[in-house]
């Protein structure tokens, strides 16, 4: 969603201005740079006729130190989008069972060594460096699952991972409880640290804000209005960028629907239990095996369970 929003906001801004890009700079390259960390290779942000906006996987997705928060934007105003951690695990479990990304074809043994995810790309193409870094983190988290299945406090609750099988194969082999424990391990090692870091970073920096992903489903317009107001974006840029951002809303974006775990599972014919039942089970597994760490993170973020991940009874007034 953030990639689509940044792309559409930049397109809206460039289409609305009468100023031209510097000679030799192509609009499509600038737009692509919104999510590939390559703007400085193309043009200085100060030479752009519109405000620079990016949705860097390195900064917004995987940062764990201030040095990883470097951006071409000035001033550095951040909108960090968090998701309820129990939703992250349940959705990831479904998504990863479907095996729809290249790194999910890597064997556990390879994940702990070289992580040759490029072998499993259906179409060979250039991959941005920050995406390569993400895949490397994903593989390290896979390797942790294999190690935990063989020894340690969770070994009695996780079937041994075979060095030759992929994470997707493993999730389709084990039962729901075992799969959710494995996915919890994967997410704790790959996702929660950067989510917490960037959330706290945004909370402590001016013209920055934190937003829960569920807020975009509840009221996408108000969510983007709040972000652009936090960024202190003046008119006419405010209205122009808002129009572009609205194209990324979960209820209207085709990309959002295509990327959803439900859509991926349907395409791959992956059956799964109702999401709210998985969340309920995850809360119990968190209490039994993770010392309530996930629930504590949920409270820290302040993002409630929403939509299909919420118990149906929670929508009924008493």
C-alpha atoms as a PDB file:
ATOM      1  CA  UNK A   1       0.000   0.000   0.000  1.00  0.00           C
ATOM      2  CA  UNK A   2       2.769   2.434   0.879  1.00  0.00           C
ATOM      3  CA  UNK A   3       4.537   1.750  -2.419  1.00  0.00           C
ATOM      4  CA  UNK A   4       1.362   2.340  -4.396  1.00  0.00           C
ATOM      5  CA  UNK A   5       0.556   5.493  -2.408  1.00  0.00           C
ATOM      6  CA  UNK A   6       4.013   7.014  -2.911  1.00  0.00           C
ATOM      7  CA  UNK A   7       3.947   6.211  -6.626  1.00  0.00           C
ATOM      8  CA  UNK A   8       0.502   7.719  -7.123  1.00  0.00           C
ATOM      9  CA  UNK A   9       1.268  10.811  -5.044  1.00  0.00           C
ATOM     10  CA  UNK A  10       4.397  11.518  -7.095  1.00  0.00           C
ATOM     11  CA  UNK A  11       2.494  10.948 -10.342  1.00  0.00           C
ATOM     12  CA  UNK A  12      -0.285  13.285  -9.200  1.00  0.00           C
ATOM     13  CA  UNK A  13       2.223  15.964  -8.247  1.00  0.00           C
ATOM     14  CA  UNK A  14       4.197  15.705 -11.495  1.00  0.00           C
ATOM     15  CA  UNK A  15       1.034  15.733 -13.622  1.00  0.00           C
ATOM     16  CA  UNK A  16      -0.306  18.806 -11.835  1.00  0.00           C
ATOM     17  CA  UNK A  17       2.771  21.012 -12.168  1.00  0.00           C
ATOM     18  CA  UNK A  18       3.689  23.065 -15.199  1.00  0.00           C
ATOM     19  CA  UNK A  19       7.383  22.864 -14.282  1.00  0.00           C
ATOM     20  CA  UNK A  20       9.548  20.380 -16.124  1.00  0.00           C
ATOM     21  CA  UNK A  21      11.900  17.756 -14.789  1.00  0.00           C
ATOM     22  CA  UNK A  22      15.601  18.464 -15.350  1.00  0.00           C
ATOM     23  CA  UNK A  23      16.963  17.529 -18.775  1.00  0.00           C
ATOM     24  CA  UNK A  24      17.560  13.806 -19.138  1.00  0.00           C
ATOM     25  CA  UNK A  25      15.418  12.849 -16.150  1.00  0.00           C
ATOM     26  CA  UNK A  26      12.452  10.621 -17.009  1.00  0.00           C
ATOM     27  CA  UNK A  27       9.206  10.678 -15.047  1.00  0.00           C
ATOM     28  CA  UNK A  28       9.000   6.883 -14.904  1.00  0.00           C
ATOM     29  CA  UNK A  29      12.475   6.669 -13.335  1.00  0.00           C
ATOM     30  CA  UNK A  30      11.561   9.205 -10.659  1.00  0.00           C
ATOM     31  CA  UNK A  31       8.350   7.329  -9.860  1.00  0.00           C
ATOM     32  CA  UNK A  32      10.177   3.998  -9.657  1.00  0.00           C
ATOM     33  CA  UNK A  33      12.694   5.559  -7.275  1.00  0.00           C
ATOM     34  CA  UNK A  34       9.901   6.141  -4.731  1.00  0.00           C
ATOM     35  CA  UNK A  35      10.360   2.558  -3.570  1.00  0.00           C
ATOM     36  CA  UNK A  36      13.865   1.616  -4.758  1.00  0.00           C
ATOM     37  CA  UNK A  37      16.171   4.062  -2.923  1.00  0.00           C
ATOM     38  CA  UNK A  38      17.696   5.211  -6.226  1.00  0.00           C
ATOM     39  CA  UNK A  39      16.612   8.867  -6.500  1.00  0.00           C
ATOM     40  CA  UNK A  40      20.072  10.278  -5.803  1.00  0.00           C
ATOM     41  CA  UNK A  41      21.377   8.241  -8.761  1.00  0.00           C
ATOM     42  CA  UNK A  42      18.924  10.098 -10.988  1.00  0.00           C
ATOM     43  CA  UNK A  43      18.459  13.620  -9.655  1.00  0.00           C
ATOM     44  CA  UNK A  44      18.791  15.669  -6.491  1.00  0.00           C
ATOM     45  CA  UNK A  45      15.429  15.951  -4.679  1.00  0.00           C
ATOM     46  CA  UNK A  46      15.910  19.728  -4.521  1.00  0.00           C
ATOM     47  CA  UNK A  47      15.781  19.805  -8.337  1.00  0.00           C
ATOM     48  CA  UNK A  48      12.355  18.152  -8.481  1.00  0.00           C
ATOM     49  CA  UNK A  49       9.392  20.455  -9.199  1.00  0.00           C
ATOM     50  CA  UNK A  50       7.268  18.681  -6.535  1.00  0.00           C
ATOM     51  CA  UNK A  51       7.820  17.441  -2.954  1.00  0.00           C
ATOM     52  CA  UNK A  52       9.719  14.140  -2.819  1.00  0.00           C
ATOM     53  CA  UNK A  53       7.873  11.174  -1.308  1.00  0.00           C
ATOM     54  CA  UNK A  54       9.258   7.677  -0.922  1.00  0.00           C
ATOM     55  CA  UNK A  55       8.153   4.363   0.561  1.00  0.00           C
ATOM     56  CA  UNK A  56      11.532   2.759   1.046  1.00  0.00           C
ATOM     57  CA  UNK A  57      11.511  -0.885   2.116  1.00  0.00           C
ATOM     58  CA  UNK A  58      14.853  -0.180   3.782  1.00  0.00           C
ATOM     59  CA  UNK A  59      13.554   2.712   5.896  1.00  0.00           C
ATOM     60  CA  UNK A  60       9.863   2.153   6.375  1.00  0.00           C
ATOM     61  CA  UNK A  61      10.015  -1.615   6.375  1.00  0.00           C
ATOM     62  CA  UNK A  62      13.276  -2.918   7.795  1.00  0.00           C
ATOM     63  CA  UNK A  63      15.056  -0.139   9.734  1.00  0.00           C
ATOM     64  CA  UNK A  64      16.387  -0.969  13.176  1.00  0.00           C
ATOM     65  CA  UNK A  65      18.876   1.915  13.539  1.00  0.00           C
ATOM     66  CA  UNK A  66      18.799   5.642  12.809  1.00  0.00           C
ATOM     67  CA  UNK A  67      21.404   5.172  10.064  1.00  0.00           C
ATOM     68  CA  UNK A  68      18.849   3.102   8.129  1.00  0.00           C
ATOM     69  CA  UNK A  69      16.375   5.979   8.216  1.00  0.00           C
ATOM     70  CA  UNK A  70      18.321   8.101   5.750  1.00  0.00           C
ATOM     71  CA  UNK A  71      16.129   9.533   3.006  1.00  0.00           C
ATOM     72  CA  UNK A  72      16.384  12.029   0.179  1.00  0.00           C
ATOM     73  CA  UNK A  73      13.387  13.930   1.544  1.00  0.00           C
ATOM     74  CA  UNK A  74      13.875  17.214   3.386  1.00  0.00           C
ATOM     75  CA  UNK A  75      12.463  17.818   5.894  1.00  0.00           C
ATOM     76  CA  UNK A  76      12.227  14.152   6.898  1.00  0.00           C
ATOM     77  CA  UNK A  77       8.533  13.693   7.705  1.00  0.00           C
ATOM     78  CA  UNK A  78       7.420  10.106   8.263  1.00  0.00           C
ATOM     79  CA  UNK A  79       4.113   8.280   8.227  1.00  0.00           C
ATOM     80  CA  UNK A  80       4.649   4.852   9.738  1.00  0.00           C
ATOM     81  CA  UNK A  81       1.882   2.308   9.209  1.00  0.00           C
ATOM     82  CA  UNK A  82       1.654  -0.432  11.834  1.00  0.00           C
ATOM     83  CA  UNK A  83      -0.532  -3.528  11.878  1.00  0.00           C
ATOM     84  CA  UNK A  84      -1.836  -5.473  14.842  1.00  0.00           C
ATOM     85  CA  UNK A  85       0.882  -8.111  15.481  1.00  0.00           C
ATOM     86  CA  UNK A  86      -1.582 -11.001  15.810  1.00  0.00           C
ATOM     87  CA  UNK A  87      -3.017 -10.040  12.416  1.00  0.00           C
ATOM     88  CA  UNK A  88       0.515  -9.934  10.981  1.00  0.00           C
ATOM     89  CA  UNK A  89       1.153 -13.524  12.096  1.00  0.00           C
ATOM     90  CA  UNK A  90      -2.217 -14.925  10.973  1.00  0.00           C
ATOM     91  CA  UNK A  91      -2.025 -13.185   7.600  1.00  0.00           C
ATOM     92  CA  UNK A  92       1.613 -14.194   7.134  1.00  0.00           C
ATOM     93  CA  UNK A  93       0.806 -17.817   7.930  1.00  0.00           C
ATOM     94  CA  UNK A  94      -1.765 -17.918   5.124  1.00  0.00           C
ATOM     95  CA  UNK A  95       0.405 -15.949   2.709  1.00  0.00           C
ATOM     96  CA  UNK A  96       3.509 -18.039   3.317  1.00  0.00           C
ATOM     97  CA  UNK A  97       1.641 -21.339   2.967  1.00  0.00           C
ATOM     98  CA  UNK A  98       0.797 -20.245  -0.565  1.00  0.00           C
ATOM     99  CA  UNK A  99       4.507 -19.854  -1.371  1.00  0.00           C
ATOM    100  CA  UNK A 100       3.967 -16.882  -3.677  1.00  0.00           C
ATOM    101  CA  UNK A 101       7.356 -15.163  -3.278  1.00  0.00           C
ATOM    102  CA  UNK A 102      10.742 -16.316  -4.539  1.00  0.00           C
ATOM    103  CA  UNK A 103      12.394 -16.673  -1.119  1.00  0.00           C
ATOM    104  CA  UNK A 104       9.670 -19.131  -0.058  1.00  0.00           C
ATOM    105  CA  UNK A 105      11.169 -21.673  -2.456  1.00  0.00           C
ATOM    106  CA  UNK A 106      14.523 -21.636  -0.641  1.00  0.00           C
ATOM    107  CA  UNK A 107      15.323 -24.756   1.396  1.00  0.00           C
ATOM    108  CA  UNK A 108      15.936 -24.438   5.124  1.00  0.00           C
ATOM    109  CA  UNK A 109      19.530 -25.527   4.587  1.00  0.00           C
ATOM    110  CA  UNK A 110      20.147 -22.872   1.918  1.00  0.00           C
ATOM    111  CA  UNK A 111      18.345 -20.248   4.020  1.00  0.00           C
ATOM    112  CA  UNK A 112      20.963 -20.739   6.743  1.00  0.00           C
ATOM    113  CA  UNK A 113      23.801 -20.375   4.224  1.00  0.00           C
ATOM    114  CA  UNK A 114      23.595 -18.440   0.943  1.00  0.00           C
ATOM    115  CA  UNK A 115      19.836 -17.955   0.470  1.00  0.00           C
ATOM    116  CA  UNK A 116      19.644 -18.446  -3.287  1.00  0.00           C
ATOM    117  CA  UNK A 117      16.154 -16.964  -3.601  1.00  0.00           C
ATOM    118  CA  UNK A 118      16.899 -15.725  -7.147  1.00  0.00           C
ATOM    119  CA  UNK A 119      16.742 -19.317  -8.375  1.00  0.00           C
ATOM    120  CA  UNK A 120      13.017 -19.328  -7.640  1.00  0.00           C
ATOM    121  CA  UNK A 121      12.037 -16.101  -9.396  1.00  0.00           C
ATOM    122  CA  UNK A 122       9.505 -16.953 -12.128  1.00  0.00           C
ATOM    123  CA  UNK A 123      10.830 -14.054 -14.211  1.00  0.00           C
ATOM    124  CA  UNK A 124      14.514 -13.159 -13.928  1.00  0.00           C
ATOM    125  CA  UNK A 125      14.792  -9.419 -13.308  1.00  0.00           C
ATOM    126  CA  UNK A 126      16.851  -6.847 -11.471  1.00  0.00           C
ATOM    127  CA  UNK A 127      15.979  -6.631  -7.775  1.00  0.00           C
ATOM    128  CA  UNK A 128      16.671  -3.470  -5.718  1.00  0.00           C
ATOM    129  CA  UNK A 129      19.364  -3.841  -3.075  1.00  0.00           C
ATOM    130  CA  UNK A 130      16.950  -3.169  -0.222  1.00  0.00           C
ATOM    131  CA  UNK A 131      14.709  -6.013  -1.406  1.00  0.00           C
ATOM    132  CA  UNK A 132      17.720  -8.330  -1.490  1.00  0.00           C
ATOM    133  CA  UNK A 133      18.434  -7.281   2.103  1.00  0.00           C
ATOM    134  CA  UNK A 134      14.847  -8.097   3.075  1.00  0.00           C
ATOM    135  CA  UNK A 135      15.058 -11.547   1.502  1.00  0.00           C
ATOM    136  CA  UNK A 136      18.264 -12.137   3.434  1.00  0.00           C
ATOM    137  CA  UNK A 137      16.478 -11.257   6.680  1.00  0.00           C
ATOM    138  CA  UNK A 138      13.594 -13.541   5.755  1.00  0.00           C
ATOM    139  CA  UNK A 139      16.018 -16.428   5.158  1.00  0.00           C
ATOM    140  CA  UNK A 140      17.737 -15.869   8.510  1.00  0.00           C
ATOM    141  CA  UNK A 141      14.339 -16.043  10.177  1.00  0.00           C
ATOM    142  CA  UNK A 142      13.647 -19.302   8.314  1.00  0.00           C
ATOM    143  CA  UNK A 143      16.902 -20.739   9.582  1.00  0.00           C
ATOM    144  CA  UNK A 144      15.876 -19.839  13.122  1.00  0.00           C
ATOM    145  CA  UNK A 145      12.732 -21.945  12.709  1.00  0.00           C
ATOM    146  CA  UNK A 146      14.786 -24.950  11.659  1.00  0.00           C
ATOM    147  CA  UNK A 147      17.159 -24.532  14.607  1.00  0.00           C
ATOM    148  CA  UNK A 148      14.224 -24.106  17.022  1.00  0.00           C
ATOM    149  CA  UNK A 149      12.553 -27.249  15.698  1.00  0.00           C
ATOM    150  CA  UNK A 150      15.683 -29.275  16.483  1.00  0.00           C
ATOM    151  CA  UNK A 151      16.654 -27.851  19.867  1.00  0.00           C
ATOM    152  CA  UNK A 152      15.590 -25.343  22.481  1.00  0.00           C
ATOM    153  CA  UNK A 153      12.395 -24.564  24.363  1.00  0.00           C
ATOM    154  CA  UNK A 154      10.122 -24.955  21.318  1.00  0.00           C
ATOM    155  CA  UNK A 155      11.602 -28.158  19.932  1.00  0.00           C
ATOM    156  CA  UNK A 156       8.935 -30.308  21.613  1.00  0.00           C
ATOM    157  CA  UNK A 157       6.181 -28.263  19.910  1.00  0.00           C
ATOM    158  CA  UNK A 158       7.659 -27.995  16.398  1.00  0.00           C
ATOM    159  CA  UNK A 159       8.136 -30.986  14.075  1.00  0.00           C
ATOM    160  CA  UNK A 160      11.745 -31.172  12.881  1.00  0.00           C
ATOM    161  CA  UNK A 161      12.274 -29.065   9.771  1.00  0.00           C
ATOM    162  CA  UNK A 162      14.000 -31.002   7.020  1.00  0.00           C
ATOM    163  CA  UNK A 163      17.042 -29.192   5.571  1.00  0.00           C
ATOM    164  CA  UNK A 164      15.767 -29.891   2.057  1.00  0.00           C
ATOM    165  CA  UNK A 165      12.225 -28.497   2.437  1.00  0.00           C
ATOM    166  CA  UNK A 166      11.102 -24.896   2.052  1.00  0.00           C
ATOM    167  CA  UNK A 167       9.246 -22.840   4.616  1.00  0.00           C
ATOM    168  CA  UNK A 168       6.104 -23.055   2.481  1.00  0.00           C
ATOM    169  CA  UNK A 169       6.446 -26.863   2.341  1.00  0.00           C
ATOM    170  CA  UNK A 170       6.889 -26.960   6.115  1.00  0.00           C
ATOM    171  CA  UNK A 171       3.763 -24.883   6.820  1.00  0.00           C
ATOM    172  CA  UNK A 172       1.718 -27.136   4.555  1.00  0.00           C
ATOM    173  CA  UNK A 173       3.071 -30.254   6.291  1.00  0.00           C
ATOM    174  CA  UNK A 174       2.533 -29.333   9.955  1.00  0.00           C
ATOM    175  CA  UNK A 175      -0.787 -28.725  11.719  1.00  0.00           C
ATOM    176  CA  UNK A 176      -2.290 -25.307  12.465  1.00  0.00           C
ATOM    177  CA  UNK A 177      -0.893 -24.938  15.985  1.00  0.00           C
ATOM    178  CA  UNK A 178       2.590 -25.931  14.891  1.00  0.00           C
ATOM    179  CA  UNK A 179       2.384 -23.677  11.848  1.00  0.00           C
ATOM    180  CA  UNK A 180       1.331 -20.666  13.913  1.00  0.00           C
ATOM    181  CA  UNK A 181       4.190 -21.245  16.366  1.00  0.00           C
ATOM    182  CA  UNK A 182       6.606 -21.358  13.412  1.00  0.00           C
ATOM    183  CA  UNK A 183       5.101 -18.228  11.859  1.00  0.00           C
ATOM    184  CA  UNK A 184       5.266 -16.439  15.215  1.00  0.00           C
ATOM    185  CA  UNK A 185       8.983 -17.241  15.363  1.00  0.00           C
ATOM    186  CA  UNK A 186       9.476 -16.012  11.806  1.00  0.00           C
ATOM    187  CA  UNK A 187       7.653 -12.729  12.439  1.00  0.00           C
ATOM    188  CA  UNK A 188       9.314 -12.072  15.802  1.00  0.00           C
ATOM    189  CA  UNK A 189      12.721 -12.453  14.150  1.00  0.00           C
ATOM    190  CA  UNK A 190      11.991 -10.626  10.885  1.00  0.00           C
ATOM    191  CA  UNK A 191       9.310  -8.009  11.467  1.00  0.00           C
ATOM    192  CA  UNK A 192       8.620  -6.853  14.998  1.00  0.00           C
ATOM    193  CA  UNK A 193      11.984  -5.212  15.713  1.00  0.00           C
ATOM    194  CA  UNK A 194      11.815  -2.803  12.731  1.00  0.00           C
ATOM    195  CA  UNK A 195       8.107  -2.195  13.290  1.00  0.00           C
ATOM    196  CA  UNK A 196       8.782  -1.126  16.871  1.00  0.00           C
ATOM    197  CA  UNK A 197      11.847   0.925  15.956  1.00  0.00           C
ATOM    198  CA  UNK A 198      10.182   2.954  13.199  1.00  0.00           C
ATOM    199  CA  UNK A 199       6.991   3.357  15.279  1.00  0.00           C
ATOM    200  CA  UNK A 200       9.000   4.848  18.156  1.00  0.00           C
ATOM    201  CA  UNK A 201      11.140   6.900  15.769  1.00  0.00           C
ATOM    202  CA  UNK A 202       8.096   8.482  14.167  1.00  0.00           C
ATOM    203  CA  UNK A 203       6.532   9.189  17.564  1.00  0.00           C
ATOM    204  CA  UNK A 204       9.624  11.163  18.607  1.00  0.00           C
ATOM    205  CA  UNK A 205      10.137  13.211  15.442  1.00  0.00           C
ATOM    206  CA  UNK A 206       8.343  16.361  14.271  1.00  0.00           C
ATOM    207  CA  UNK A 207       5.983  16.306  11.279  1.00  0.00           C
ATOM    208  CA  UNK A 208       5.729  12.521  11.653  1.00  0.00           C
ATOM    209  CA  UNK A 209       2.873  10.267  12.683  1.00  0.00           C
ATOM    210  CA  UNK A 210       1.896   6.655  13.335  1.00  0.00           C
ATOM    211  CA  UNK A 211      -1.203   5.161  11.731  1.00  0.00           C
ATOM    212  CA  UNK A 212      -2.725   1.700  12.138  1.00  0.00           C
ATOM    213  CA  UNK A 213      -3.330  -0.211   8.913  1.00  0.00           C
ATOM    214  CA  UNK A 214      -6.924  -0.877   9.998  1.00  0.00           C
ATOM    215  CA  UNK A 215      -7.635   2.862   9.943  1.00  0.00           C
ATOM    216  CA  UNK A 216      -7.275   2.890   6.153  1.00  0.00           C
ATOM    217  CA  UNK A 217      -9.992   0.266   5.856  1.00  0.00           C
ATOM    218  CA  UNK A 218     -12.232   2.097   8.321  1.00  0.00           C
ATOM    219  CA  UNK A 219     -11.784   5.610   6.892  1.00  0.00           C
ATOM    220  CA  UNK A 220      -9.058   5.932   4.285  1.00  0.00           C
ATOM    221  CA  UNK A 221      -9.771   9.596   3.543  1.00  0.00           C
ATOM    222  CA  UNK A 222      -9.381  10.724   7.155  1.00  0.00           C
ATOM    223  CA  UNK A 223      -6.224   8.621   7.522  1.00  0.00           C
ATOM    224  CA  UNK A 224      -4.493  10.290   4.585  1.00  0.00           C
ATOM    225  CA  UNK A 225      -5.748  13.703   5.641  1.00  0.00           C
ATOM    226  CA  UNK A 226      -4.147  13.143   9.038  1.00  0.00           C
ATOM    227  CA  UNK A 227      -0.859  12.113   7.435  1.00  0.00           C
ATOM    228  CA  UNK A 228      -0.699  15.091   5.083  1.00  0.00           C
ATOM    229  CA  UNK A 229      -1.624  17.429   7.927  1.00  0.00           C
ATOM    230  CA  UNK A 230       1.161  15.950  10.077  1.00  0.00           C
ATOM    231  CA  UNK A 231       3.524  16.520   7.156  1.00  0.00           C
ATOM    232  CA  UNK A 232       2.355  20.167   7.150  1.00  0.00           C
ATOM    233  CA  UNK A 233       1.767  19.896   3.418  1.00  0.00           C
ATOM    234  CA  UNK A 234       0.446  23.229   2.069  1.00  0.00           C
ATOM    235  CA  UNK A 235      -2.131  23.716  -0.654  1.00  0.00           C
ATOM    236  CA  UNK A 236      -2.306  23.052  -3.522  1.00  0.00           C
ATOM    237  CA  UNK A 237       0.058  20.113  -2.895  1.00  0.00           C
ATOM    238  CA  UNK A 238      -2.149  18.858  -0.045  1.00  0.00           C
ATOM    239  CA  UNK A 239      -5.171  18.270  -2.302  1.00  0.00           C
ATOM    240  CA  UNK A 240      -3.093  16.953  -5.197  1.00  0.00           C
ATOM    241  CA  UNK A 241      -1.236  14.419  -3.079  1.00  0.00           C
ATOM    242  CA  UNK A 242      -4.412  13.404  -1.257  1.00  0.00           C
ATOM    243  CA  UNK A 243      -6.056  12.557  -4.576  1.00  0.00           C
ATOM    244  CA  UNK A 244      -3.075  10.396  -5.519  1.00  0.00           C
ATOM    245  CA  UNK A 245      -2.880   8.667  -2.126  1.00  0.00           C
ATOM    246  CA  UNK A 246      -6.556   7.711  -2.211  1.00  0.00           C
ATOM    247  CA  UNK A 247      -5.875   5.375  -5.134  1.00  0.00           C
ATOM    248  CA  UNK A 248      -4.019   3.082  -2.725  1.00  0.00           C
ATOM    249  CA  UNK A 249      -6.923   2.627  -0.284  1.00  0.00           C
ATOM    250  CA  UNK A 250      -7.523  -1.034   0.647  1.00  0.00           C
ATOM    251  CA  UNK A 251     -11.180  -0.997  -0.405  1.00  0.00           C
ATOM    252  CA  UNK A 252     -10.480   0.499  -3.845  1.00  0.00           C
ATOM    253  CA  UNK A 253      -6.975  -0.647  -4.848  1.00  0.00           C
ATOM    254  CA  UNK A 254      -6.737  -3.657  -7.133  1.00  0.00           C
ATOM    255  CA  UNK A 255      -3.114  -4.087  -6.071  1.00  0.00           C
ATOM    256  CA  UNK A 256      -4.226  -4.337  -2.438  1.00  0.00           C
ATOM    257  CA  UNK A 257      -6.751  -7.029  -3.327  1.00  0.00           C
ATOM    258  CA  UNK A 258      -4.230  -8.957  -5.427  1.00  0.00           C
ATOM    259  CA  UNK A 259      -1.620  -8.862  -2.666  1.00  0.00           C
ATOM    260  CA  UNK A 260      -3.952  -9.860   0.170  1.00  0.00           C
ATOM    261  CA  UNK A 261      -3.393 -13.200   1.890  1.00  0.00           C
ATOM    262  CA  UNK A 262      -6.985 -14.199   1.073  1.00  0.00           C
ATOM    263  CA  UNK A 263      -6.468 -13.597  -2.642  1.00  0.00           C
ATOM    264  CA  UNK A 264      -3.098 -15.368  -2.682  1.00  0.00           C
ATOM    265  CA  UNK A 265      -4.555 -18.349  -0.792  1.00  0.00           C
ATOM    266  CA  UNK A 266      -7.491 -18.618  -3.193  1.00  0.00           C
ATOM    267  CA  UNK A 267      -5.226 -18.504  -6.241  1.00  0.00           C
ATOM    268  CA  UNK A 268      -2.963 -21.179  -4.751  1.00  0.00           C
ATOM    269  CA  UNK A 269      -5.858 -23.316  -3.487  1.00  0.00           C
ATOM    270  CA  UNK A 270      -4.616 -23.069   0.112  1.00  0.00           C
ATOM    271  CA  UNK A 271      -7.278 -23.863   2.696  1.00  0.00           C
ATOM    272  CA  UNK A 272      -7.165 -22.218   6.099  1.00  0.00           C
ATOM    273  CA  UNK A 273      -9.233 -21.755   9.240  1.00  0.00           C
ATOM    274  CA  UNK A 274     -11.175 -18.516   9.812  1.00  0.00           C
ATOM    275  CA  UNK A 275      -8.797 -15.666  10.616  1.00  0.00           C
ATOM    276  CA  UNK A 276     -10.453 -14.763  13.926  1.00  0.00           C
ATOM    277  CA  UNK A 277     -10.004 -18.343  15.128  1.00  0.00           C
ATOM    278  CA  UNK A 278      -6.313 -18.180  14.299  1.00  0.00           C
ATOM    279  CA  UNK A 279      -5.956 -14.938  16.258  1.00  0.00           C
ATOM    280  CA  UNK A 280      -7.664 -16.504  19.276  1.00  0.00           C
ATOM    281  CA  UNK A 281      -5.305 -19.485  19.097  1.00  0.00           C
ATOM    282  CA  UNK A 282      -2.316 -17.171  18.696  1.00  0.00           C
ATOM    283  CA  UNK A 283      -3.197 -15.348  21.911  1.00  0.00           C
ATOM    284  CA  UNK A 284      -3.083 -18.654  23.773  1.00  0.00           C
ATOM    285  CA  UNK A 285       0.182 -19.682  22.088  1.00  0.00           C
ATOM    286  CA  UNK A 286       1.665 -16.295  22.969  1.00  0.00           C
ATOM    287  CA  UNK A 287       0.779 -16.860  26.616  1.00  0.00           C
ATOM    288  CA  UNK A 288       2.162 -20.408  26.644  1.00  0.00           C
ATOM    289  CA  UNK A 289       5.317 -20.051  24.552  1.00  0.00           C
ATOM    290  CA  UNK A 290       6.255 -16.383  24.151  1.00  0.00           C
ATOM    291  CA  UNK A 291       5.618 -15.015  27.665  1.00  0.00           C
ATOM    292  CA  UNK A 292       2.982 -12.610  26.381  1.00  0.00           C
ATOM    293  CA  UNK A 293       5.534 -10.791  24.236  1.00  0.00           C
ATOM    294  CA  UNK A 294       3.186 -10.423  21.273  1.00  0.00           C
ATOM    295  CA  UNK A 295       0.330  -9.100  23.423  1.00  0.00           C
ATOM    296  CA  UNK A 296       2.713  -6.570  24.998  1.00  0.00           C
ATOM    297  CA  UNK A 297       3.753  -5.399  21.527  1.00  0.00           C
ATOM    298  CA  UNK A 298       0.093  -5.110  20.539  1.00  0.00           C
ATOM    299  CA  UNK A 299      -0.456  -2.776  23.491  1.00  0.00           C
ATOM    300  CA  UNK A 300       2.658  -0.759  22.621  1.00  0.00           C
ATOM    301  CA  UNK A 301       1.487  -0.154  19.045  1.00  0.00           C
ATOM    302  CA  UNK A 302      -2.108   0.551  20.023  1.00  0.00           C
ATOM    303  CA  UNK A 303      -3.468  -1.084  16.867  1.00  0.00           C
ATOM    304  CA  UNK A 304      -6.514  -3.278  17.617  1.00  0.00           C
ATOM    305  CA  UNK A 305      -7.500  -6.450  15.813  1.00  0.00           C
ATOM    306  CA  UNK A 306      -9.871  -5.528  12.998  1.00  0.00           C
ATOM    307  CA  UNK A 307     -12.132  -6.877  10.277  1.00  0.00           C
ATOM    308  CA  UNK A 308     -12.161 -10.624   9.724  1.00  0.00           C
ATOM    309  CA  UNK A 309      -9.441 -11.082  12.359  1.00  0.00           C
ATOM    310  CA  UNK A 310     -11.813  -9.901  15.082  1.00  0.00           C
ATOM    311  CA  UNK A 311     -14.240 -12.192  16.896  1.00  0.00           C
ATOM    312  CA  UNK A 312     -17.689 -11.742  15.282  1.00  0.00           C
ATOM    313  CA  UNK A 313     -19.208 -11.223  18.733  1.00  0.00           C
ATOM    314  CA  UNK A 314     -17.012  -8.137  19.187  1.00  0.00           C
ATOM    315  CA  UNK A 315     -19.150  -6.329  16.621  1.00  0.00           C
ATOM    316  CA  UNK A 316     -22.376  -6.971  18.516  1.00  0.00           C
ATOM    317  CA  UNK A 317     -23.444  -4.488  21.186  1.00  0.00           C
ATOM    318  CA  UNK A 318     -24.248  -6.006  24.563  1.00  0.00           C
END
